[in-house]
Amino acid sequence: MPTTKPTVLILCTGNSCRSHLAEGLLRAAAGDILDVQSAGSKPAGYVHPLSIKVMQEIGIDISSHHSKHMDEFLKQNVETVITVCGNADQACPLFPGQVNRHHWPFVDPAHAKGSEEEVLNMFRQVRDEIKRVFEAYADGRRDQLKGGSK
């Protein structure tokens, strides 16, 4: 019997950096059990090139991602919404079927100042923070599945 994977929607304002980092990382960690998507309340219209670069450094390709508006998901069954910036948390509507909502804010690396290397290091730092949080979340979801199947 085919079952559909629950949708996890990761929201940020611009949907160009943090939400794509989180989408790529969560998809890598739990794409077999979750349908992972990302969107923005005011999409920038592109995925930041440094987000793509720092993900490639750890073997995750997000170069095919594109910036989407959260309204695209209003008619879909979204089980969990995770906001990764304060503005998206405030602008977040209730989605059909939504059971869970989490707010895990991260610094926006797109606003980093300094040399190319300093800016790149900020993207790496944010990527690594998101990786820790979303891998722990993926582990928790796996544990729930194991517990729920007995």
Protein backbone atom coordinates (compact mmCIF):
# COMPACT_ATOMS: atom_id res chain seq x y z
CA MET A 1 0.00 0.00 0.00
CA PRO A 2 1.69 3.24 -1.09
CA THR A 3 1.84 5.94 1.53
CA THR A 4 2.60 9.55 0.86
CA LYS A 5 5.41 11.13 2.77
CA PRO A 6 4.42 14.01 5.06
CA THR A 7 5.37 17.42 3.65
CA VAL A 8 7.73 19.62 5.64
CA LEU A 9 7.76 23.21 4.39
CA ILE A 10 10.73 25.36 5.38
CA LEU A 11 9.97 29.07 5.21
CA CYS A 12 12.12 32.17 5.14
CA THR A 13 11.48 35.65 3.82
CA GLY A 14 13.55 35.59 0.63
CA ASN A 15 13.83 31.83 0.02
CA SER A 16 17.37 32.34 -1.30
CA CYS A 17 19.73 31.19 1.49
CA ARG A 18 18.69 29.65 4.81
CA SER A 19 15.56 27.87 3.66
CA HIS A 20 17.44 26.29 0.73
CA LEU A 21 20.31 25.22 2.97
CA ALA A 22 17.77 23.65 5.33
CA GLU A 23 15.80 22.06 2.49
CA GLY A 24 18.93 20.47 1.02
CA LEU A 25 20.19 19.26 4.38
CA LEU A 26 16.85 17.85 5.56
CA ARG A 27 16.23 16.21 2.20
CA ALA A 28 19.68 14.57 2.44
CA ALA A 29 18.99 13.42 6.01
CA ALA A 30 15.34 12.37 5.69
CA GLY A 31 14.20 12.62 2.07
CA ASP A 32 13.26 8.95 2.20
CA ILE A 33 10.62 9.62 4.88
CA LEU A 34 9.72 13.30 4.32
CA ASP A 35 8.73 15.44 1.33
CA VAL A 36 10.93 18.47 1.99
CA GLN A 37 10.11 21.83 0.35
CA SER A 38 11.05 25.46 0.91
CA ALA A 39 9.44 28.79 0.10
CA GLY A 40 9.46 32.45 1.07
CA SER A 41 7.01 35.14 2.11
CA LYS A 42 8.78 37.57 -0.28
CA PRO A 43 10.86 35.32 -2.57
CA ALA A 44 14.07 36.83 -3.92
CA GLY A 45 13.64 35.01 -7.21
CA TYR A 46 16.99 33.18 -7.04
CA VAL A 47 19.04 30.84 -4.89
CA HIS A 48 22.14 32.61 -3.53
CA PRO A 49 25.25 31.33 -5.37
CA LEU A 50 27.18 31.00 -2.09
CA SER A 51 24.43 28.77 -0.68
CA ILE A 52 24.91 26.49 -3.68
CA LYS A 53 28.70 26.62 -3.24
CA VAL A 54 28.80 25.75 0.48
CA MET A 55 26.36 22.89 -0.04
CA GLN A 56 28.51 21.50 -2.87
CA GLU A 57 31.42 21.52 -0.39
CA ILE A 58 29.58 18.89 1.67
CA GLY A 59 28.32 16.90 -1.31
CA ILE A 60 24.75 18.23 -1.57
CA ASP A 61 23.61 19.73 -4.87
CA ILE A 62 20.94 22.44 -4.56
CA SER A 63 21.75 24.07 -7.92
CA SER A 64 18.38 22.98 -9.34
CA HIS A 65 16.41 24.64 -6.50
CA HIS A 66 14.42 27.76 -7.28
CA SER A 67 12.89 30.50 -5.17
CA LYS A 68 9.16 29.95 -4.53
CA HIS A 69 6.36 31.88 -2.81
CA MET A 70 4.75 30.21 0.21
CA ASP A 71 1.31 30.76 -1.35
CA GLU A 72 2.15 27.94 -3.82
CA PHE A 73 1.66 25.55 -0.90
CA LEU A 74 -1.65 26.91 0.47
CA LYS A 75 -3.69 24.26 -1.35
CA GLN A 76 -1.34 21.40 -0.43
CA ASN A 77 -1.37 19.22 2.64
CA VAL A 78 1.58 20.51 4.68
CA GLU A 79 2.17 18.54 7.86
CA THR A 80 4.98 20.62 9.35
CA VAL A 81 6.06 24.23 8.83
CA ILE A 82 9.51 25.29 9.98
CA THR A 83 10.43 28.96 9.84
CA VAL A 84 14.13 29.81 9.80
CA CYS A 85 13.87 33.61 10.11
CA GLY A 86 11.79 35.98 12.21
CA ASN A 87 9.97 37.72 9.36
CA ALA A 88 8.70 34.45 7.89
CA ASP A 89 7.51 33.35 11.32
CA GLN A 90 5.37 36.49 11.61
CA ALA A 91 4.05 36.22 8.02
CA CYS A 92 3.35 32.49 8.16
CA PRO A 93 -0.23 31.46 7.36
CA LEU A 94 -1.82 28.23 8.52
CA PHE A 95 -1.50 25.53 5.86
CA PRO A 96 -4.03 22.77 5.14
CA GLY A 97 -3.33 19.70 7.25
CA GLN A 98 -0.69 21.50 9.31
CA VAL A 99 -0.01 19.63 12.53
CA ASN A 100 3.36 21.03 13.62
CA ARG A 101 5.04 24.40 13.54
CA HIS A 102 8.61 25.11 14.57
CA HIS A 103 10.55 28.37 14.59
CA TRP A 104 14.30 27.93 14.43
CA PRO A 105 15.87 31.28 13.46
CA PHE A 106 19.34 31.46 11.93
CA VAL A 107 21.54 34.45 11.02
CA ASP A 108 21.07 35.51 7.38
CA PRO A 109 24.44 34.92 5.67
CA ALA A 110 23.33 37.09 2.72
CA HIS A 111 23.87 40.10 4.98
CA ALA A 112 27.44 39.11 5.89
CA LYS A 113 30.07 41.82 5.41
CA GLY A 114 33.81 41.55 4.90
CA SER A 115 36.18 39.91 2.48
CA GLU A 116 35.05 37.16 0.10
CA GLU A 117 36.53 34.59 2.47
CA GLU A 118 34.79 36.11 5.53
CA VAL A 119 31.43 36.09 3.76
CA LEU A 120 31.99 32.52 2.58
CA ASN A 121 32.88 31.49 6.13
CA MET A 122 29.60 33.00 7.39
CA PHE A 123 27.70 30.87 4.85
CA ARG A 124 29.63 27.81 6.06
CA GLN A 125 28.91 28.63 9.70
CA VAL A 126 25.17 29.04 9.07
CA ARG A 127 25.15 25.86 6.95
CA ASP A 128 26.78 23.93 9.78
CA GLU A 129 24.33 25.31 12.40
CA ILE A 130 21.38 24.40 10.17
CA LYS A 131 22.91 20.97 9.56
CA ARG A 132 23.11 20.24 13.30
CA VAL A 133 19.51 21.31 13.96
CA PHE A 134 17.93 19.63 10.93
CA GLU A 135 19.87 16.38 11.28
CA ALA A 136 18.70 16.18 14.90
CA TYR A 137 15.14 16.84 13.68
CA ALA A 138 15.51 14.07 11.06
CA ASP A 139 16.75 11.68 13.75
CA GLY A 140 13.73 12.54 15.89
CA ARG A 141 11.35 11.90 13.00
CA ARG A 142 13.00 8.51 12.38
CA ASP A 143 12.64 7.66 16.06
CA GLN A 144 8.93 8.58 15.90
CA LEU A 145 8.44 6.24 12.94
CA LYS A 146 10.14 3.37 14.74
CA GLY A 147 8.08 3.96 17.87
CA GLY A 148 4.85 4.37 15.93
CA SER A 149 5.23 1.14 13.95
CA LYS A 150 5.24 -1.15 16.99
